[in-house]
């Protein structure tokens, strides 16, 4: 299944977190870590203004609590609106 965002929405691939271990051997679970706020755009909606700014393959910085998380075929994705995008990362 593929997601095709509509209007001013984009689909962003959320980077997977790697389990971390402290120097003392304590494993830090994913729930205790800060969520990443940079992701790779994998689909862009139909809004012409948005398509001029963002394209597939770009990396974007988005707000901490922005978007809607979904899981498609075991992959974590985030659906963001144009207003949720803070900057392009080069």
PDB file of N, CA and C in Angstrom:
ATOM      1  N   UNK A   1       0.843  -1.177   0.000  1.00  0.00           N
ATOM      2  CA  UNK A   1       0.000   0.000   0.000  1.00  0.00           C
ATOM      3  C   UNK A   1       0.887   1.238   0.000  1.00  0.00           C
ATOM      4  N   UNK A   2       0.537   2.192  -0.844  1.00  0.00           N
ATOM      5  CA  UNK A   2       1.251   3.467  -0.880  1.00  0.00           C
ATOM      6  C   UNK A   2       0.319   4.563  -0.411  1.00  0.00           C
ATOM      7  N   UNK A   3       0.890   5.561   0.219  1.00  0.00           N
ATOM      8  CA  UNK A   3       0.108   6.720   0.650  1.00  0.00           C
ATOM      9  C   UNK A   3       0.290   7.838  -0.364  1.00  0.00           C
ATOM     10  N   UNK A   4      -0.811   8.432  -0.793  1.00  0.00           N
ATOM     11  CA  UNK A   4      -0.779   9.595  -1.669  1.00  0.00           C
ATOM     12  C   UNK A   4      -1.431  10.741  -0.916  1.00  0.00           C
ATOM     13  N   UNK A   5      -0.624  11.660  -0.393  1.00  0.00           N
ATOM     14  CA  UNK A   5      -1.207  12.773   0.357  1.00  0.00           C
ATOM     15  C   UNK A   5      -1.996  13.703  -0.560  1.00  0.00           C
ATOM     16  N   UNK A   6      -3.001  14.345   0.003  1.00  0.00           N
ATOM     17  CA  UNK A   6      -3.811  15.272  -0.778  1.00  0.00           C
ATOM     18  C   UNK A   6      -3.568  16.703  -0.298  1.00  0.00           C
ATOM     19  N   UNK A   7      -3.920  17.639  -1.163  1.00  0.00           N
ATOM     20  CA  UNK A   7      -3.818  19.075  -0.871  1.00  0.00           C
ATOM     21  C   UNK A   7      -2.426  19.454  -0.374  1.00  0.00           C
ATOM     22  N   UNK A   8      -2.356  20.064   0.822  1.00  0.00           N
ATOM     23  CA  UNK A   8      -1.090  20.613   1.318  1.00  0.00           C
ATOM     24  C   UNK A   8      -0.415  19.695   2.343  1.00  0.00           C
ATOM     25  N   UNK A   9      -0.484  18.379   2.122  1.00  0.00           N
ATOM     26  CA  UNK A   9       0.125  17.429   3.050  1.00  0.00           C
ATOM     27  C   UNK A   9       1.311  16.720   2.406  1.00  0.00           C
ATOM     28  N   UNK A  10       2.243  16.279   3.246  1.00  0.00           N
ATOM     29  CA  UNK A  10       3.374  15.483   2.793  1.00  0.00           C
ATOM     30  C   UNK A  10       3.488  14.247   3.677  1.00  0.00           C
ATOM     31  N   UNK A  11       4.138  13.210   3.161  1.00  0.00           N
ATOM     32  CA  UNK A  11       4.422  12.008   3.940  1.00  0.00           C
ATOM     33  C   UNK A  11       5.924  11.974   4.162  1.00  0.00           C
ATOM     34  N   UNK A  12       6.319  11.825   5.426  1.00  0.00           N
ATOM     35  CA  UNK A  12       7.725  11.851   5.814  1.00  0.00           C
ATOM     36  C   UNK A  12       8.079  10.515   6.453  1.00  0.00           C
ATOM     37  N   UNK A  13       9.238   9.978   6.067  1.00  0.00           N
ATOM     38  CA  UNK A  13       9.751   8.754   6.683  1.00  0.00           C
ATOM     39  C   UNK A  13      10.478   9.146   7.963  1.00  0.00           C
ATOM     40  N   UNK A  14      10.033   8.565   9.073  1.00  0.00           N
ATOM     41  CA  UNK A  14      10.636   8.866  10.374  1.00  0.00           C
ATOM     42  C   UNK A  14      11.833   7.950  10.574  1.00  0.00           C
ATOM     43  N   UNK A  15      13.001   8.516  10.899  1.00  0.00           N
ATOM     44  CA  UNK A  15      14.170   7.658  11.124  1.00  0.00           C
ATOM     45  C   UNK A  15      13.954   6.742  12.325  1.00  0.00           C
ATOM     46  N   UNK A  16      14.403   5.505  12.208  1.00  0.00           N
ATOM     47  CA  UNK A  16      14.252   4.560  13.312  1.00  0.00           C
ATOM     48  C   UNK A  16      15.329   4.814  14.350  1.00  0.00           C
ATOM     49  N   UNK A  17      14.915   4.755  15.604  1.00  0.00           N
ATOM     50  CA  UNK A  17      15.842   4.978  16.702  1.00  0.00           C
ATOM     51  C   UNK A  17      16.594   3.689  17.008  1.00  0.00           C
ATOM     52  N   UNK A  18      17.866   3.831  17.287  1.00  0.00           N
ATOM     53  CA  UNK A  18      18.696   2.692  17.644  1.00  0.00           C
ATOM     54  C   UNK A  18      18.755   2.621  19.165  1.00  0.00           C
ATOM     55  N   UNK A  19      18.652   1.422  19.693  1.00  0.00           N
ATOM     56  CA  UNK A  19      18.699   1.252  21.140  1.00  0.00           C
ATOM     57  C   UNK A  19      20.067   1.703  21.659  1.00  0.00           C
ATOM     58  N   UNK A  20      20.041   2.559  22.665  1.00  0.00           N
ATOM     59  CA  UNK A  20      21.282   3.087  23.210  1.00  0.00           C
ATOM     60  C   UNK A  20      21.594   2.453  24.547  1.00  0.00           C
ATOM     61  N   UNK A  21      22.879   2.401  24.834  1.00  0.00           N
ATOM     62  CA  UNK A  21      23.344   1.852  26.102  1.00  0.00           C
ATOM     63  C   UNK A  21      24.293   2.872  26.718  1.00  0.00           C
ATOM     64  N   UNK A  22      24.111   3.158  27.996  1.00  0.00           N
ATOM     65  CA  UNK A  22      24.988   4.108  28.675  1.00  0.00           C
ATOM     66  C   UNK A  22      26.315   3.438  29.007  1.00  0.00           C
ATOM     67  N   UNK A  23      27.273   4.229  29.464  1.00  0.00           N
ATOM     68  CA  UNK A  23      28.580   3.706  29.844  1.00  0.00           C
ATOM     69  C   UNK A  23      28.440   2.676  30.958  1.00  0.00           C
ATOM     70  N   UNK A  24      27.477   2.878  31.841  1.00  0.00           N
ATOM     71  CA  UNK A  24      27.263   1.953  32.957  1.00  0.00           C
ATOM     72  C   UNK A  24      26.497   0.696  32.568  1.00  0.00           C
ATOM     73  N   UNK A  25      26.089   0.579  31.293  1.00  0.00           N
ATOM     74  CA  UNK A  25      25.405  -0.612  30.828  1.00  0.00           C
ATOM     75  C   UNK A  25      23.890  -0.541  30.887  1.00  0.00           C
ATOM     76  N   UNK A  26      23.344   0.638  31.204  1.00  0.00           N
ATOM     77  CA  UNK A  26      21.894   0.798  31.267  1.00  0.00           C
ATOM     78  C   UNK A  26      21.358   1.036  29.861  1.00  0.00           C
ATOM     79  N   UNK A  27      20.350   0.268  29.479  1.00  0.00           N
ATOM     80  CA  UNK A  27      19.739   0.427  28.160  1.00  0.00           C
ATOM     81  C   UNK A  27      18.621   1.459  28.269  1.00  0.00           C
ATOM     82  N   UNK A  28      18.659   2.448  27.368  1.00  0.00           N
ATOM     83  CA  UNK A  28      17.647   3.503  27.353  1.00  0.00           C
ATOM     84  C   UNK A  28      16.567   3.115  26.346  1.00  0.00           C
ATOM     85  N   UNK A  29      15.323   2.895  26.798  1.00  0.00           N
ATOM     86  CA  UNK A  29      14.259   2.487  25.869  1.00  0.00           C
ATOM     87  C   UNK A  29      13.826   3.634  24.958  1.00  0.00           C
ATOM     88  N   UNK A  30      13.215   3.277  23.827  1.00  0.00           N
ATOM     89  CA  UNK A  30      12.759   4.281  22.861  1.00  0.00           C
ATOM     90  C   UNK A  30      11.771   5.264  23.472  1.00  0.00           C
ATOM     91  N   UNK A  31      10.970   4.803  24.424  1.00  0.00           N
ATOM     92  CA  UNK A  31       9.951   5.677  25.017  1.00  0.00           C
ATOM     93  C   UNK A  31      10.557   6.798  25.844  1.00  0.00           C
ATOM     94  N   UNK A  32      11.793   6.632  26.281  1.00  0.00           N
ATOM     95  CA  UNK A  32      12.447   7.658  27.096  1.00  0.00           C
ATOM     96  C   UNK A  32      13.262   8.635  26.255  1.00  0.00           C
ATOM     97  N   UNK A  33      13.359   8.374  24.965  1.00  0.00           N
ATOM     98  CA  UNK A  33      14.163   9.222  24.093  1.00  0.00           C
ATOM     99  C   UNK A  33      13.311  10.299  23.440  1.00  0.00           C
ATOM    100  N   UNK A  34      13.970  11.345  23.058  1.00  0.00           N
ATOM    101  CA  UNK A  34      13.335  12.434  22.317  1.00  0.00           C
ATOM    102  C   UNK A  34      13.073  11.966  20.885  1.00  0.00           C
ATOM    103  N   UNK A  35      11.891  12.254  20.346  1.00  0.00           N
ATOM    104  CA  UNK A  35      11.577  11.876  18.973  1.00  0.00           C
ATOM    105  C   UNK A  35      12.391  12.728  18.001  1.00  0.00           C
ATOM    106  N   UNK A  36      12.860  12.125  16.908  1.00  0.00           N
ATOM    107  CA  UNK A  36      13.577  12.926  15.907  1.00  0.00           C
ATOM    108  C   UNK A  36      12.619  13.909  15.251  1.00  0.00           C
ATOM    109  N   UNK A  37      13.145  15.062  14.852  1.00  0.00           N
ATOM    110  CA  UNK A  37      12.306  16.082  14.233  1.00  0.00           C
ATOM    111  C   UNK A  37      12.734  16.356  12.797  1.00  0.00           C
ATOM    112  N   UNK A  38      13.571  15.479  12.255  1.00  0.00           N
ATOM    113  CA  UNK A  38      13.997  15.609  10.868  1.00  0.00           C
ATOM    114  C   UNK A  38      13.639  14.304  10.165  1.00  0.00           C
ATOM    115  N   UNK A  39      13.021  14.418   8.995  1.00  0.00           N
ATOM    116  CA  UNK A  39      12.651  13.235   8.242  1.00  0.00           C
ATOM    117  C   UNK A  39      12.773  13.466   6.751  1.00  0.00           C
ATOM    118  N   UNK A  40      12.742  12.377   5.998  1.00  0.00           N
ATOM    119  CA  UNK A  40      12.866  12.449   4.546  1.00  0.00           C
ATOM    120  C   UNK A  40      11.484  12.397   3.908  1.00  0.00           C
ATOM    121  N   UNK A  41      11.234  13.313   2.996  1.00  0.00           N
ATOM    122  CA  UNK A  41       9.947  13.384   2.302  1.00  0.00           C
ATOM    123  C   UNK A  41       9.863  12.233   1.301  1.00  0.00           C
ATOM    124  N   UNK A  42       8.782  11.426   1.385  1.00  0.00           N
ATOM    125  CA  UNK A  42       8.613  10.332   0.436  1.00  0.00           C
ATOM    126  C   UNK A  42       7.400  10.542  -0.481  1.00  0.00           C
ATOM    127  N   UNK A  43       6.539  11.517  -0.163  1.00  0.00           N
ATOM    128  CA  UNK A  43       5.404  11.848  -1.031  1.00  0.00           C
ATOM    129  C   UNK A  43       4.940  13.269  -0.745  1.00  0.00           C
ATOM    130  N   UNK A  44       4.532  13.972  -1.793  1.00  0.00           N
ATOM    131  CA  UNK A  44       4.081  15.361  -1.676  1.00  0.00           C
ATOM    132  C   UNK A  44       2.665  15.455  -2.225  1.00  0.00           C
ATOM    133  N   UNK A  45       1.824  16.244  -1.554  1.00  0.00           N
ATOM    134  CA  UNK A  45       0.429  16.424  -1.956  1.00  0.00           C
ATOM    135  C   UNK A  45       0.267  17.195  -3.254  1.00  0.00           C
ATOM    136  N   UNK A  46      -0.968  17.509  -3.592  1.00  0.00           N
ATOM    137  CA  UNK A  46      -1.306  18.113  -4.878  1.00  0.00           C
ATOM    138  C   UNK A  46      -1.230  19.640  -4.905  1.00  0.00           C
ATOM    139  N   UNK A  47      -0.984  20.269  -3.767  1.00  0.00           N
ATOM    140  CA  UNK A  47      -0.914  21.728  -3.692  1.00  0.00           C
ATOM    141  C   UNK A  47       0.286  22.248  -4.494  1.00  0.00           C
ATOM    142  N   UNK A  48       0.040  23.127  -5.474  1.00  0.00           N
ATOM    143  CA  UNK A  48       1.108  23.617  -6.347  1.00  0.00           C
ATOM    144  C   UNK A  48       2.162  24.419  -5.597  1.00  0.00           C
ATOM    145  N   UNK A  49       1.743  25.246  -4.633  1.00  0.00           N
ATOM    146  CA  UNK A  49       2.701  26.030  -3.858  1.00  0.00           C
ATOM    147  C   UNK A  49       3.623  25.114  -3.056  1.00  0.00           C
ATOM    148  N   UNK A  50       3.065  24.065  -2.489  1.00  0.00           N
ATOM    149  CA  UNK A  50       3.859  23.106  -1.719  1.00  0.00           C
ATOM    150  C   UNK A  50       4.853  22.378  -2.616  1.00  0.00           C
ATOM    151  N   UNK A  51       4.429  22.000  -3.818  1.00  0.00           N
ATOM    152  CA  UNK A  51       5.306  21.282  -4.745  1.00  0.00           C
ATOM    153  C   UNK A  51       6.477  22.136  -5.217  1.00  0.00           C
ATOM    154  N   UNK A  52       6.332  23.464  -5.181  1.00  0.00           N
ATOM    155  CA  UNK A  52       7.437  24.360  -5.534  1.00  0.00           C
ATOM    156  C   UNK A  52       8.488  24.411  -4.427  1.00  0.00           C
ATOM    157  N   UNK A  53       8.059  24.168  -3.193  1.00  0.00           N
ATOM    158  CA  UNK A  53       8.945  24.277  -2.035  1.00  0.00           C
ATOM    159  C   UNK A  53       9.608  22.954  -1.686  1.00  0.00           C
ATOM    160  N   UNK A  54       8.810  21.885  -1.655  1.00  0.00           N
ATOM    161  CA  UNK A  54       9.278  20.583  -1.177  1.00  0.00           C
ATOM    162  C   UNK A  54       9.129  19.541  -2.270  1.00  0.00           C
ATOM    163  N   UNK A  55      10.138  18.674  -2.398  1.00  0.00           N
ATOM    164  CA  UNK A  55      10.039  17.573  -3.356  1.00  0.00           C
ATOM    165  C   UNK A  55      10.471  16.274  -2.681  1.00  0.00           C
ATOM    166  N   UNK A  56      10.147  15.165  -3.288  1.00  0.00           N
ATOM    167  CA  UNK A  56      10.505  13.851  -2.751  1.00  0.00           C
ATOM    168  C   UNK A  56      12.022  13.762  -2.626  1.00  0.00           C
ATOM    169  N   UNK A  57      12.484  13.277  -1.485  1.00  0.00           N
ATOM    170  CA  UNK A  57      13.916  13.150  -1.228  1.00  0.00           C
ATOM    171  C   UNK A  57      14.475  14.254  -0.351  1.00  0.00           C
ATOM    172  N   UNK A  58      13.751  15.372  -0.223  1.00  0.00           N
ATOM    173  CA  UNK A  58      14.198  16.461   0.652  1.00  0.00           C
ATOM    174  C   UNK A  58      14.120  16.026   2.109  1.00  0.00           C
ATOM    175  N   UNK A  59      14.971  16.618   2.932  1.00  0.00           N
ATOM    176  CA  UNK A  59      14.886  16.416   4.373  1.00  0.00           C
ATOM    177  C   UNK A  59      14.261  17.672   4.970  1.00  0.00           C
ATOM    178  N   UNK A  60      13.281  17.469   5.858  1.00  0.00           N
ATOM    179  CA  UNK A  60      12.573  18.599   6.455  1.00  0.00           C
ATOM    180  C   UNK A  60      12.646  18.526   7.971  1.00  0.00           C
ATOM    181  N   UNK A  61      12.627  19.698   8.572  1.00  0.00           N
ATOM    182  CA  UNK A  61      12.552  19.843  10.018  1.00  0.00           C
ATOM    183  C   UNK A  61      11.108  20.193  10.332  1.00  0.00           C
ATOM    184  N   UNK A  62      10.511  19.480  11.280  1.00  0.00           N
ATOM    185  CA  UNK A  62       9.114  19.713  11.610  1.00  0.00           C
ATOM    186  C   UNK A  62       8.949  19.880  13.113  1.00  0.00           C
ATOM    187  N   UNK A  63       7.804  20.402  13.531  1.00  0.00           N
ATOM    188  CA  UNK A  63       7.531  20.650  14.936  1.00  0.00           C
ATOM    189  C   UNK A  63       7.515  19.378  15.767  1.00  0.00           C
ATOM    190  N   UNK A  64       7.809  19.518  17.044  1.00  0.00           N
ATOM    191  CA  UNK A  64       7.928  18.380  17.951  1.00  0.00           C
ATOM    192  C   UNK A  64       6.664  17.527  18.016  1.00  0.00           C
ATOM    193  N   UNK A  65       5.514  18.134  18.073  1.00  0.00           N
ATOM    194  CA  UNK A  65       4.257  17.396  18.202  1.00  0.00           C
ATOM    195  C   UNK A  65       3.413  17.477  16.925  1.00  0.00           C
ATOM    196  N   UNK A  66       4.064  17.714  15.799  1.00  0.00           N
ATOM    197  CA  UNK A  66       3.363  17.922  14.538  1.00  0.00           C
ATOM    198  C   UNK A  66       2.993  16.599  13.871  1.00  0.00           C
ATOM    199  N   UNK A  67       1.952  16.654  13.068  1.00  0.00           N
ATOM    200  CA  UNK A  67       1.602  15.544  12.199  1.00  0.00           C
ATOM    201  C   UNK A  67       0.889  14.382  12.852  1.00  0.00           C
ATOM    202  N   UNK A  68       0.626  13.385  12.039  1.00  0.00           N
ATOM    203  CA  UNK A  68      -0.054  12.168  12.461  1.00  0.00           C
ATOM    204  C   UNK A  68       0.829  10.985  12.111  1.00  0.00           C
ATOM    205  N   UNK A  69       1.183  10.180  13.127  1.00  0.00           N
ATOM    206  CA  UNK A  69       2.011   9.003  12.890  1.00  0.00           C
ATOM    207  C   UNK A  69       1.152   7.856  12.383  1.00  0.00           C
ATOM    208  N   UNK A  70       1.637   7.175  11.350  1.00  0.00           N
ATOM    209  CA  UNK A  70       0.981   5.982  10.831  1.00  0.00           C
ATOM    210  C   UNK A  70       2.053   4.933  10.556  1.00  0.00           C
ATOM    211  N   UNK A  71       1.635   3.674  10.541  1.00  0.00           N
ATOM    212  CA  UNK A  71       2.563   2.600  10.199  1.00  0.00           C
ATOM    213  C   UNK A  71       2.020   1.882   8.976  1.00  0.00           C
ATOM    214  N   UNK A  72       2.812   1.864   7.912  1.00  0.00           N
ATOM    215  CA  UNK A  72       2.420   1.228   6.663  1.00  0.00           C
ATOM    216  C   UNK A  72       3.469   0.187   6.308  1.00  0.00           C
ATOM    217  N   UNK A  73       3.053  -1.059   6.216  1.00  0.00           N
ATOM    218  CA  UNK A  73       3.938  -2.167   5.882  1.00  0.00           C
ATOM    219  C   UNK A  73       5.170  -2.205   6.787  1.00  0.00           C
ATOM    220  N   UNK A  74       4.945  -1.982   8.079  1.00  0.00           N
ATOM    221  CA  UNK A  74       6.022  -2.048   9.063  1.00  0.00           C
ATOM    222  C   UNK A  74       6.932  -0.839   9.103  1.00  0.00           C
ATOM    223  N   UNK A  75       6.615   0.188   8.351  1.00  0.00           N
ATOM    224  CA  UNK A  75       7.452   1.382   8.292  1.00  0.00           C
ATOM    225  C   UNK A  75       6.711   2.549   8.955  1.00  0.00           C
ATOM    226  N   UNK A  76       7.395   3.259   9.864  1.00  0.00           N
ATOM    227  CA  UNK A  76       6.774   4.398  10.534  1.00  0.00           C
ATOM    228  C   UNK A  76       6.843   5.628   9.642  1.00  0.00           C
ATOM    229  N   UNK A  77       5.669   6.203   9.398  1.00  0.00           N
ATOM    230  CA  UNK A  77       5.559   7.392   8.564  1.00  0.00           C
ATOM    231  C   UNK A  77       4.830   8.480   9.327  1.00  0.00           C
ATOM    232  N   UNK A  78       5.021   9.708   8.888  1.00  0.00           N
ATOM    233  CA  UNK A  78       4.389  10.857   9.512  1.00  0.00           C
ATOM    234  C   UNK A  78       3.728  11.672   8.411  1.00  0.00           C
ATOM    235  N   UNK A  79       2.462  12.005   8.594  1.00  0.00           N
ATOM    236  CA  UNK A  79       1.754  12.840   7.636  1.00  0.00           C
ATOM    237  C   UNK A  79       1.706  14.249   8.211  1.00  0.00           C
ATOM    238  N   UNK A  80       2.298  15.186   7.485  1.00  0.00           N
ATOM    239  CA  UNK A  80       2.403  16.576   7.933  1.00  0.00           C
ATOM    240  C   UNK A  80       1.659  17.499   6.980  1.00  0.00           C
ATOM    241  N   UNK A  81       1.165  18.597   7.520  1.00  0.00           N
ATOM    242  CA  UNK A  81       0.601  19.635   6.647  1.00  0.00           C
ATOM    243  C   UNK A  81       1.707  20.647   6.342  1.00  0.00           C
ATOM    244  N   UNK A  82       1.452  21.498   5.376  1.00  0.00           N
ATOM    245  CA  UNK A  82       2.440  22.501   4.981  1.00  0.00           C
ATOM    246  C   UNK A  82       2.830  23.391   6.164  1.00  0.00           C
ATOM    247  N   UNK A  83       1.880  23.682   7.034  1.00  0.00           N
ATOM    248  CA  UNK A  83       2.145  24.540   8.192  1.00  0.00           C
ATOM    249  C   UNK A  83       3.053  23.892   9.234  1.00  0.00           C
ATOM    250  N   UNK A  84       3.145  22.559   9.234  1.00  0.00           N
ATOM    251  CA  UNK A  84       3.978  21.840  10.205  1.00  0.00           C
ATOM    252  C   UNK A  84       5.463  21.863   9.837  1.00  0.00           C
ATOM    253  N   UNK A  85       5.770  22.160   8.570  1.00  0.00           N
ATOM    254  CA  UNK A  85       7.160  22.159   8.106  1.00  0.00           C
ATOM    255  C   UNK A  85       7.831  23.451   8.550  1.00  0.00           C
ATOM    256  N   UNK A  86       8.922  23.318   9.289  1.00  0.00           N
ATOM    257  CA  UNK A  86       9.627  24.499   9.778  1.00  0.00           C
ATOM    258  C   UNK A  86      10.765  24.929   8.866  1.00  0.00           C
ATOM    259  N   UNK A  87      11.477  23.951   8.261  1.00  0.00           N
ATOM    260  CA  UNK A  87      12.617  24.289   7.417  1.00  0.00           C
ATOM    261  C   UNK A  87      13.031  23.088   6.585  1.00  0.00           C
ATOM    262  N   UNK A  88      13.762  23.377   5.505  1.00  0.00           N
ATOM    263  CA  UNK A  88      14.402  22.338   4.710  1.00  0.00           C
ATOM    264  C   UNK A  88      15.814  22.161   5.261  1.00  0.00           C
ATOM    265  N   UNK A  89      16.271  20.937   5.356  1.00  0.00           N
ATOM    266  CA  UNK A  89      17.616  20.643   5.857  1.00  0.00           C
ATOM    267  C   UNK A  89      18.487  20.295   4.675  1.00  0.00           C
ATOM    268  N   UNK A  90      19.603  21.010   4.527  1.00  0.00           N
ATOM    269  CA  UNK A  90      20.517  20.761   3.391  1.00  0.00           C
ATOM    270  C   UNK A  90      21.758  20.070   3.843  1.00  0.00           C
TER     271      UNK A  90
END
